[in-house]
Amino acid sequence: MIVSDLSFGGARLDWSGLMASHEAVIKRLSKLLESIPTPVFLINKYRQFVYANRAYLGRYSVGDGLSILGARVGELATCPQSTASLSGCGTSAACQLCEFSLSVAKAFNEEAVANNIKISGSISTGPGGWNISPIDFCDERYVACISVE
């Protein structure tokens, strides 16, 4: 089930949908994602976290994977725009100009993979930024965000 509002990017998947996505990733992709030594996370079409590898969880001290399930990147990064609207990250006017949001939208639309995208706030990386790429499995499209170190 989808929980939605009228703001830009405001729809969110409910907890049962998030858990189903999370469990599918664990079952099919976790060994691959855990083999990557740098932080990696997957987001769904609502830009919600569905998975983060141990490298991500350790680097950003965000607890376990379930504690960030359903959050959006700007909310974890403490982007000031993520609180500009009641619906959170991706819903303010400024979010429509955000390099990360625009790159994620392109990845969901099968456009060129974005490299070295910067996220400001507490989950920013060094000079490398993030590589953003679409990934399809279980008849769903996700976006993988891989830290470039």
N, C-alpha and C. Protein backbone atom coordinates (compact mmCIF):
# COMPACT_ATOMS: atom_id res chain seq x y z
N MET A 1 0.84 -1.18 0.00
CA MET A 1 0.00 0.00 0.00
C MET A 1 0.88 1.24 0.00
N ILE A 2 0.42 2.26 -0.69
CA ILE A 2 1.16 3.51 -0.80
C ILE A 2 0.48 4.57 0.06
N VAL A 3 1.29 5.25 0.85
CA VAL A 3 0.81 6.38 1.64
C VAL A 3 1.24 7.62 0.87
N SER A 4 0.28 8.47 0.51
CA SER A 4 0.65 9.60 -0.34
C SER A 4 0.10 10.93 0.18
N ASP A 5 0.60 11.98 -0.42
CA ASP A 5 0.07 13.31 -0.21
C ASP A 5 0.16 14.05 -1.53
N LEU A 6 -0.09 15.34 -1.55
CA LEU A 6 -0.13 16.08 -2.80
C LEU A 6 1.17 16.80 -3.12
N SER A 7 2.20 16.65 -2.29
CA SER A 7 3.47 17.35 -2.51
C SER A 7 4.34 16.63 -3.53
N PHE A 8 5.29 17.35 -4.11
CA PHE A 8 6.26 16.76 -5.03
C PHE A 8 6.99 15.63 -4.33
N GLY A 9 6.92 14.45 -4.89
CA GLY A 9 7.66 13.32 -4.34
C GLY A 9 7.18 12.86 -2.99
N GLY A 10 5.96 13.16 -2.58
CA GLY A 10 5.53 12.90 -1.23
C GLY A 10 5.07 11.49 -0.93
N ALA A 11 4.74 10.68 -1.93
CA ALA A 11 4.25 9.33 -1.66
C ALA A 11 5.33 8.49 -0.99
N ARG A 12 4.89 7.63 -0.10
CA ARG A 12 5.80 6.70 0.57
C ARG A 12 5.16 5.34 0.61
N LEU A 13 5.98 4.31 0.56
CA LEU A 13 5.51 2.95 0.72
C LEU A 13 5.29 2.71 2.21
N ASP A 14 4.22 1.99 2.57
CA ASP A 14 3.95 1.73 3.98
C ASP A 14 4.90 0.66 4.52
N TRP A 15 4.84 0.43 5.83
CA TRP A 15 5.79 -0.45 6.51
C TRP A 15 5.78 -1.87 5.94
N SER A 16 4.61 -2.43 5.65
CA SER A 16 4.58 -3.81 5.14
C SER A 16 5.22 -3.89 3.75
N GLY A 17 5.01 -2.89 2.92
CA GLY A 17 5.66 -2.86 1.62
C GLY A 17 7.17 -2.70 1.74
N LEU A 18 7.59 -1.84 2.67
CA LEU A 18 9.03 -1.66 2.90
C LEU A 18 9.68 -2.96 3.38
N MET A 19 9.01 -3.65 4.31
CA MET A 19 9.56 -4.91 4.82
C MET A 19 9.65 -5.95 3.71
N ALA A 20 8.67 -6.01 2.84
CA ALA A 20 8.71 -6.97 1.72
C ALA A 20 9.90 -6.66 0.81
N SER A 21 10.12 -5.39 0.50
CA SER A 21 11.26 -5.00 -0.33
C SER A 21 12.57 -5.33 0.37
N HIS A 22 12.66 -4.99 1.64
CA HIS A 22 13.86 -5.24 2.42
C HIS A 22 14.18 -6.74 2.44
N GLU A 23 13.19 -7.56 2.69
CA GLU A 23 13.40 -9.01 2.74
C GLU A 23 13.80 -9.57 1.38
N ALA A 24 13.25 -9.03 0.30
CA ALA A 24 13.65 -9.48 -1.04
C ALA A 24 15.11 -9.16 -1.31
N VAL A 25 15.54 -7.96 -0.91
CA VAL A 25 16.95 -7.59 -1.08
C VAL A 25 17.83 -8.50 -0.25
N ILE A 26 17.48 -8.72 1.00
CA ILE A 26 18.28 -9.59 1.87
C ILE A 26 18.43 -10.97 1.23
N LYS A 27 17.33 -11.50 0.74
CA LYS A 27 17.32 -12.86 0.19
C LYS A 27 18.16 -12.96 -1.09
N ARG A 28 18.09 -11.95 -1.95
CA ARG A 28 18.69 -12.07 -3.27
C ARG A 28 19.98 -11.28 -3.50
N LEU A 29 20.18 -10.20 -2.77
CA LEU A 29 21.32 -9.33 -3.09
C LEU A 29 22.27 -9.05 -1.94
N SER A 30 21.94 -9.45 -0.72
CA SER A 30 22.76 -9.01 0.41
C SER A 30 24.21 -9.49 0.33
N LYS A 31 24.45 -10.70 -0.13
CA LYS A 31 25.84 -11.18 -0.23
C LYS A 31 26.64 -10.30 -1.18
N LEU A 32 26.05 -9.94 -2.28
CA LEU A 32 26.73 -9.07 -3.23
C LEU A 32 26.99 -7.70 -2.62
N LEU A 33 25.96 -7.09 -2.05
CA LEU A 33 26.09 -5.74 -1.50
C LEU A 33 27.03 -5.70 -0.30
N GLU A 34 27.05 -6.76 0.49
CA GLU A 34 27.96 -6.80 1.64
C GLU A 34 29.41 -7.02 1.21
N SER A 35 29.63 -7.54 0.00
CA SER A 35 31.00 -7.75 -0.47
C SER A 35 31.66 -6.45 -0.93
N ILE A 36 30.86 -5.41 -1.09
CA ILE A 36 31.40 -4.10 -1.47
C ILE A 36 31.91 -3.41 -0.21
N PRO A 37 33.20 -3.07 -0.18
CA PRO A 37 33.78 -2.55 1.08
C PRO A 37 33.40 -1.11 1.41
N THR A 38 32.81 -0.39 0.48
CA THR A 38 32.41 0.99 0.73
C THR A 38 30.91 1.07 1.01
N PRO A 39 30.44 2.15 1.58
CA PRO A 39 29.01 2.29 1.86
C PRO A 39 28.15 2.19 0.59
N VAL A 40 27.08 1.41 0.72
CA VAL A 40 26.11 1.21 -0.37
C VAL A 40 24.72 1.23 0.24
N PHE A 41 23.79 1.87 -0.45
CA PHE A 41 22.39 1.75 -0.05
C PHE A 41 21.51 1.66 -1.28
N LEU A 42 20.34 1.05 -1.10
CA LEU A 42 19.34 0.94 -2.16
C LEU A 42 18.11 1.73 -1.75
N ILE A 43 17.52 2.43 -2.71
CA ILE A 43 16.28 3.14 -2.45
C ILE A 43 15.23 2.69 -3.46
N ASN A 44 13.97 2.77 -3.04
CA ASN A 44 12.86 2.39 -3.91
C ASN A 44 12.40 3.59 -4.73
N LYS A 45 11.34 3.39 -5.52
CA LYS A 45 10.87 4.47 -6.39
C LYS A 45 10.31 5.67 -5.62
N TYR A 46 10.09 5.50 -4.32
CA TYR A 46 9.66 6.60 -3.47
C TYR A 46 10.85 7.27 -2.77
N ARG A 47 12.06 6.86 -3.18
CA ARG A 47 13.33 7.34 -2.64
C ARG A 47 13.52 7.00 -1.17
N GLN A 48 12.90 5.90 -0.74
CA GLN A 48 13.04 5.44 0.64
C GLN A 48 14.12 4.36 0.72
N PHE A 49 14.88 4.38 1.80
CA PHE A 49 15.86 3.33 2.03
C PHE A 49 15.15 1.99 2.15
N VAL A 50 15.64 0.99 1.41
CA VAL A 50 15.17 -0.38 1.60
C VAL A 50 16.31 -1.28 2.06
N TYR A 51 17.56 -0.79 1.91
CA TYR A 51 18.71 -1.59 2.34
C TYR A 51 19.94 -0.70 2.43
N ALA A 52 20.78 -0.97 3.41
CA ALA A 52 22.10 -0.35 3.51
C ALA A 52 23.06 -1.43 3.99
N ASN A 53 24.25 -1.48 3.37
CA ASN A 53 25.21 -2.51 3.79
C ASN A 53 25.89 -2.13 5.11
N ARG A 54 26.62 -3.09 5.66
CA ARG A 54 27.28 -2.87 6.96
C ARG A 54 28.26 -1.71 6.90
N ALA A 55 28.93 -1.54 5.75
CA ALA A 55 29.88 -0.42 5.62
C ALA A 55 29.15 0.92 5.77
N TYR A 56 27.96 1.02 5.20
CA TYR A 56 27.16 2.24 5.35
C TYR A 56 26.73 2.44 6.80
N LEU A 57 26.16 1.38 7.38
CA LEU A 57 25.65 1.48 8.75
C LEU A 57 26.76 1.86 9.72
N GLY A 58 27.96 1.29 9.54
CA GLY A 58 29.09 1.60 10.41
C GLY A 58 29.62 3.01 10.20
N ARG A 59 29.76 3.41 8.96
CA ARG A 59 30.33 4.73 8.66
C ARG A 59 29.47 5.86 9.21
N TYR A 60 28.15 5.72 9.08
CA TYR A 60 27.27 6.81 9.45
C TYR A 60 26.56 6.59 10.79
N SER A 61 26.91 5.52 11.48
CA SER A 61 26.39 5.25 12.83
C SER A 61 24.88 5.45 12.90
N VAL A 62 24.15 4.77 12.04
CA VAL A 62 22.71 4.92 11.99
C VAL A 62 21.97 3.72 12.57
N GLY A 63 22.64 2.87 13.29
CA GLY A 63 21.98 1.72 13.89
C GLY A 63 21.94 0.56 12.92
N ASP A 64 20.89 -0.23 12.99
CA ASP A 64 20.78 -1.37 12.08
C ASP A 64 19.97 -0.98 10.85
N GLY A 65 19.89 -1.88 9.89
CA GLY A 65 19.18 -1.58 8.65
C GLY A 65 17.72 -1.26 8.84
N LEU A 66 17.09 -1.87 9.85
CA LEU A 66 15.66 -1.61 10.07
C LEU A 66 15.42 -0.21 10.63
N SER A 67 16.40 0.34 11.32
CA SER A 67 16.19 1.66 11.92
C SER A 67 16.14 2.77 10.87
N ILE A 68 16.67 2.53 9.68
CA ILE A 68 16.61 3.54 8.63
C ILE A 68 15.64 3.17 7.51
N LEU A 69 15.03 2.01 7.62
CA LEU A 69 14.09 1.55 6.61
C LEU A 69 12.96 2.57 6.43
N GLY A 70 12.75 3.01 5.21
CA GLY A 70 11.70 3.98 4.91
C GLY A 70 12.13 5.43 4.95
N ALA A 71 13.30 5.71 5.53
CA ALA A 71 13.79 7.09 5.55
C ALA A 71 14.23 7.50 4.15
N ARG A 72 14.30 8.77 3.94
CA ARG A 72 14.84 9.29 2.69
C ARG A 72 16.21 9.88 2.95
N VAL A 73 17.00 9.97 1.88
CA VAL A 73 18.40 10.39 2.00
C VAL A 73 18.53 11.73 2.71
N GLY A 74 17.78 12.72 2.30
CA GLY A 74 17.88 14.05 2.91
C GLY A 74 17.53 14.05 4.39
N GLU A 75 16.65 13.15 4.78
CA GLU A 75 16.27 13.06 6.20
C GLU A 75 17.43 12.51 7.02
N LEU A 76 18.13 11.52 6.49
CA LEU A 76 19.29 10.98 7.21
C LEU A 76 20.48 11.92 7.14
N ALA A 77 20.58 12.67 6.05
CA ALA A 77 21.70 13.60 5.89
C ALA A 77 21.45 14.91 6.61
N THR A 78 20.32 15.04 7.24
CA THR A 78 19.89 16.26 7.91
C THR A 78 19.93 17.48 6.98
N CYS A 79 19.48 17.25 5.75
CA CYS A 79 19.35 18.36 4.79
C CYS A 79 18.31 19.33 5.33
N PRO A 80 18.60 20.63 5.34
CA PRO A 80 17.62 21.59 5.86
C PRO A 80 16.31 21.59 5.08
N GLN A 81 16.35 21.21 3.81
CA GLN A 81 15.13 21.18 3.01
C GLN A 81 14.22 20.01 3.38
N SER A 82 14.78 18.98 4.04
CA SER A 82 13.97 17.80 4.38
C SER A 82 12.90 18.11 5.42
N THR A 83 13.03 19.24 6.10
CA THR A 83 12.01 19.64 7.08
C THR A 83 11.20 20.84 6.60
N ALA A 84 11.43 21.24 5.37
CA ALA A 84 10.70 22.40 4.83
C ALA A 84 9.25 22.04 4.50
N SER A 85 8.96 20.76 4.43
CA SER A 85 7.61 20.29 4.14
C SER A 85 7.28 19.16 5.12
N LEU A 86 6.04 19.03 5.49
CA LEU A 86 5.64 17.95 6.40
C LEU A 86 5.92 16.57 5.83
N SER A 87 5.97 16.45 4.51
CA SER A 87 6.21 15.15 3.87
C SER A 87 7.68 14.77 3.80
N GLY A 88 8.56 15.67 4.18
CA GLY A 88 9.98 15.34 4.26
C GLY A 88 10.75 15.51 2.96
N CYS A 89 11.87 14.81 2.90
CA CYS A 89 12.81 14.90 1.79
C CYS A 89 12.12 14.70 0.46
N GLY A 90 12.47 15.57 -0.49
CA GLY A 90 11.94 15.48 -1.84
C GLY A 90 10.64 16.20 -2.06
N THR A 91 10.16 16.92 -1.07
CA THR A 91 8.84 17.52 -1.20
C THR A 91 8.84 19.05 -1.17
N SER A 92 9.98 19.68 -0.98
CA SER A 92 10.00 21.15 -1.02
C SER A 92 10.38 21.61 -2.42
N ALA A 93 10.14 22.86 -2.70
CA ALA A 93 10.47 23.40 -4.02
C ALA A 93 11.96 23.26 -4.31
N ALA A 94 12.80 23.45 -3.32
CA ALA A 94 14.25 23.36 -3.51
C ALA A 94 14.68 21.94 -3.90
N CYS A 95 13.93 20.94 -3.48
CA CYS A 95 14.28 19.55 -3.79
C CYS A 95 14.24 19.28 -5.28
N GLN A 96 13.46 20.04 -6.01
CA GLN A 96 13.39 19.85 -7.46
C GLN A 96 14.67 20.30 -8.16
N LEU A 97 15.56 20.97 -7.43
CA LEU A 97 16.84 21.40 -7.97
C LEU A 97 18.01 20.61 -7.38
N CYS A 98 17.74 19.71 -6.47
CA CYS A 98 18.78 18.94 -5.78
C CYS A 98 19.47 17.97 -6.75
N GLU A 99 20.79 18.05 -6.82
CA GLU A 99 21.57 17.20 -7.72
C GLU A 99 21.31 15.72 -7.45
N PHE A 100 21.24 15.35 -6.19
CA PHE A 100 20.99 13.95 -5.85
C PHE A 100 19.60 13.52 -6.32
N SER A 101 18.56 14.29 -6.00
CA SER A 101 17.20 13.95 -6.41
C SER A 101 17.07 13.85 -7.92
N LEU A 102 17.67 14.78 -8.63
CA LEU A 102 17.60 14.75 -10.09
C LEU A 102 18.32 13.53 -10.65
N SER A 103 19.44 13.16 -10.06
CA SER A 103 20.19 11.98 -10.52
C SER A 103 19.41 10.70 -10.25
N VAL A 104 18.76 10.63 -9.11
CA VAL A 104 17.94 9.46 -8.79
C VAL A 104 16.78 9.36 -9.77
N ALA A 105 16.14 10.48 -10.07
CA ALA A 105 15.03 10.47 -11.03
C ALA A 105 15.51 9.97 -12.40
N LYS A 106 16.68 10.41 -12.82
CA LYS A 106 17.23 9.94 -14.09
C LYS A 106 17.49 8.44 -14.05
N ALA A 107 18.02 7.96 -12.94
CA ALA A 107 18.30 6.52 -12.83
C ALA A 107 17.01 5.71 -12.90
N PHE A 108 15.95 6.20 -12.28
CA PHE A 108 14.67 5.49 -12.35
C PHE A 108 14.08 5.52 -13.76
N ASN A 109 14.46 6.51 -14.55
CA ASN A 109 13.97 6.61 -15.93
C ASN A 109 14.96 6.04 -16.95
N GLU A 110 15.91 5.24 -16.47
CA GLU A 110 16.90 4.55 -17.31
C GLU A 110 17.80 5.50 -18.08
N GLU A 111 17.98 6.69 -17.57
CA GLU A 111 18.91 7.59 -18.22
C GLU A 111 20.32 7.29 -17.72
N ALA A 112 21.27 8.05 -18.18
CA ALA A 112 22.67 7.81 -17.86
C ALA A 112 22.90 7.68 -16.35
N VAL A 113 23.79 6.79 -16.01
CA VAL A 113 24.16 6.61 -14.61
C VAL A 113 24.93 7.84 -14.16
N ALA A 114 24.59 8.35 -13.00
CA ALA A 114 25.25 9.54 -12.46
C ALA A 114 26.44 9.13 -11.60
N ASN A 115 27.53 9.82 -11.74
CA ASN A 115 28.73 9.53 -10.97
C ASN A 115 29.17 10.76 -10.18
N ASN A 116 29.73 10.48 -9.02
CA ASN A 116 30.33 11.51 -8.17
C ASN A 116 29.34 12.59 -7.75
N ILE A 117 28.12 12.17 -7.44
CA ILE A 117 27.09 13.10 -6.99
C ILE A 117 27.32 13.41 -5.51
N LYS A 118 27.21 14.65 -5.17
CA LYS A 118 27.41 15.07 -3.79
C LYS A 118 26.09 15.10 -3.03
N ILE A 119 26.14 14.69 -1.78
CA ILE A 119 25.02 14.82 -0.86
C ILE A 119 25.54 15.66 0.29
N SER A 120 24.94 16.79 0.52
CA SER A 120 25.41 17.60 1.64
C SER A 120 24.77 17.10 2.92
N GLY A 121 25.43 17.35 4.02
CA GLY A 121 24.92 16.91 5.30
C GLY A 121 25.77 15.79 5.88
N SER A 122 25.19 15.07 6.81
CA SER A 122 25.97 14.10 7.57
C SER A 122 26.32 12.83 6.83
N ILE A 123 25.73 12.55 5.65
CA ILE A 123 26.13 11.35 4.92
C ILE A 123 26.93 11.72 3.67
N SER A 124 27.50 12.90 3.67
CA SER A 124 28.35 13.26 2.55
C SER A 124 29.63 12.43 2.63
N THR A 125 30.28 12.27 1.50
CA THR A 125 31.53 11.52 1.48
C THR A 125 32.66 12.47 1.19
N GLY A 126 33.81 11.93 0.97
CA GLY A 126 34.96 12.72 0.60
C GLY A 126 34.78 13.27 -0.81
N PRO A 127 35.87 13.55 -1.49
CA PRO A 127 35.78 14.18 -2.79
C PRO A 127 35.10 13.31 -3.85
N GLY A 128 34.98 12.01 -3.60
CA GLY A 128 34.42 11.11 -4.60
C GLY A 128 32.92 11.20 -4.77
N GLY A 129 32.17 11.48 -3.74
CA GLY A 129 30.71 11.53 -3.83
C GLY A 129 30.10 10.15 -3.93
N TRP A 130 29.00 10.04 -4.67
CA TRP A 130 28.24 8.80 -4.81
C TRP A 130 28.02 8.48 -6.27
N ASN A 131 28.12 7.20 -6.64
CA ASN A 131 27.69 6.73 -7.95
C ASN A 131 26.27 6.24 -7.80
N ILE A 132 25.42 6.60 -8.74
CA ILE A 132 24.00 6.29 -8.68
C ILE A 132 23.63 5.51 -9.93
N SER A 133 23.04 4.33 -9.72
CA SER A 133 22.75 3.46 -10.84
C SER A 133 21.45 2.70 -10.63
N PRO A 134 20.65 2.51 -11.70
CA PRO A 134 19.43 1.70 -11.55
C PRO A 134 19.78 0.22 -11.39
N ILE A 135 18.95 -0.49 -10.68
CA ILE A 135 19.10 -1.93 -10.53
C ILE A 135 17.69 -2.53 -10.51
N ASP A 136 17.47 -3.51 -11.36
CA ASP A 136 16.16 -4.15 -11.47
C ASP A 136 16.22 -5.56 -10.89
N PHE A 137 15.28 -5.88 -10.03
CA PHE A 137 15.10 -7.25 -9.58
C PHE A 137 13.71 -7.39 -8.98
N CYS A 138 13.20 -8.62 -9.00
CA CYS A 138 11.85 -8.91 -8.49
C CYS A 138 10.80 -8.00 -9.12
N ASP A 139 10.94 -7.73 -10.40
CA ASP A 139 9.99 -6.90 -11.14
C ASP A 139 9.86 -5.48 -10.59
N GLU A 140 10.89 -5.01 -9.94
CA GLU A 140 10.90 -3.64 -9.40
C GLU A 140 12.21 -2.97 -9.79
N ARG A 141 12.17 -1.67 -9.92
CA ARG A 141 13.40 -0.91 -10.12
C ARG A 141 13.78 -0.24 -8.81
N TYR A 142 15.06 -0.34 -8.48
CA TYR A 142 15.64 0.32 -7.32
C TYR A 142 16.80 1.16 -7.83
N VAL A 143 17.31 2.02 -7.00
CA VAL A 143 18.53 2.76 -7.33
C VAL A 143 19.57 2.43 -6.29
N ALA A 144 20.74 2.02 -6.78
CA ALA A 144 21.87 1.74 -5.91
C ALA A 144 22.74 2.99 -5.82
N CYS A 145 23.11 3.35 -4.60
CA CYS A 145 23.97 4.50 -4.36
C CYS A 145 25.24 3.95 -3.70
N ILE A 146 26.36 4.11 -4.39
CA ILE A 146 27.62 3.50 -3.96
C ILE A 146 28.62 4.61 -3.71
N SER A 147 29.19 4.63 -2.51
CA SER A 147 30.15 5.64 -2.14
C SER A 147 31.44 5.49 -2.96
N VAL A 148 31.94 6.61 -3.45
CA VAL A 148 33.21 6.63 -4.18
C VAL A 148 34.24 7.20 -3.21
N GLU A 149 35.20 6.39 -2.86
CA GLU A 149 36.17 6.83 -1.84
C GLU A 149 37.51 7.16 -2.41
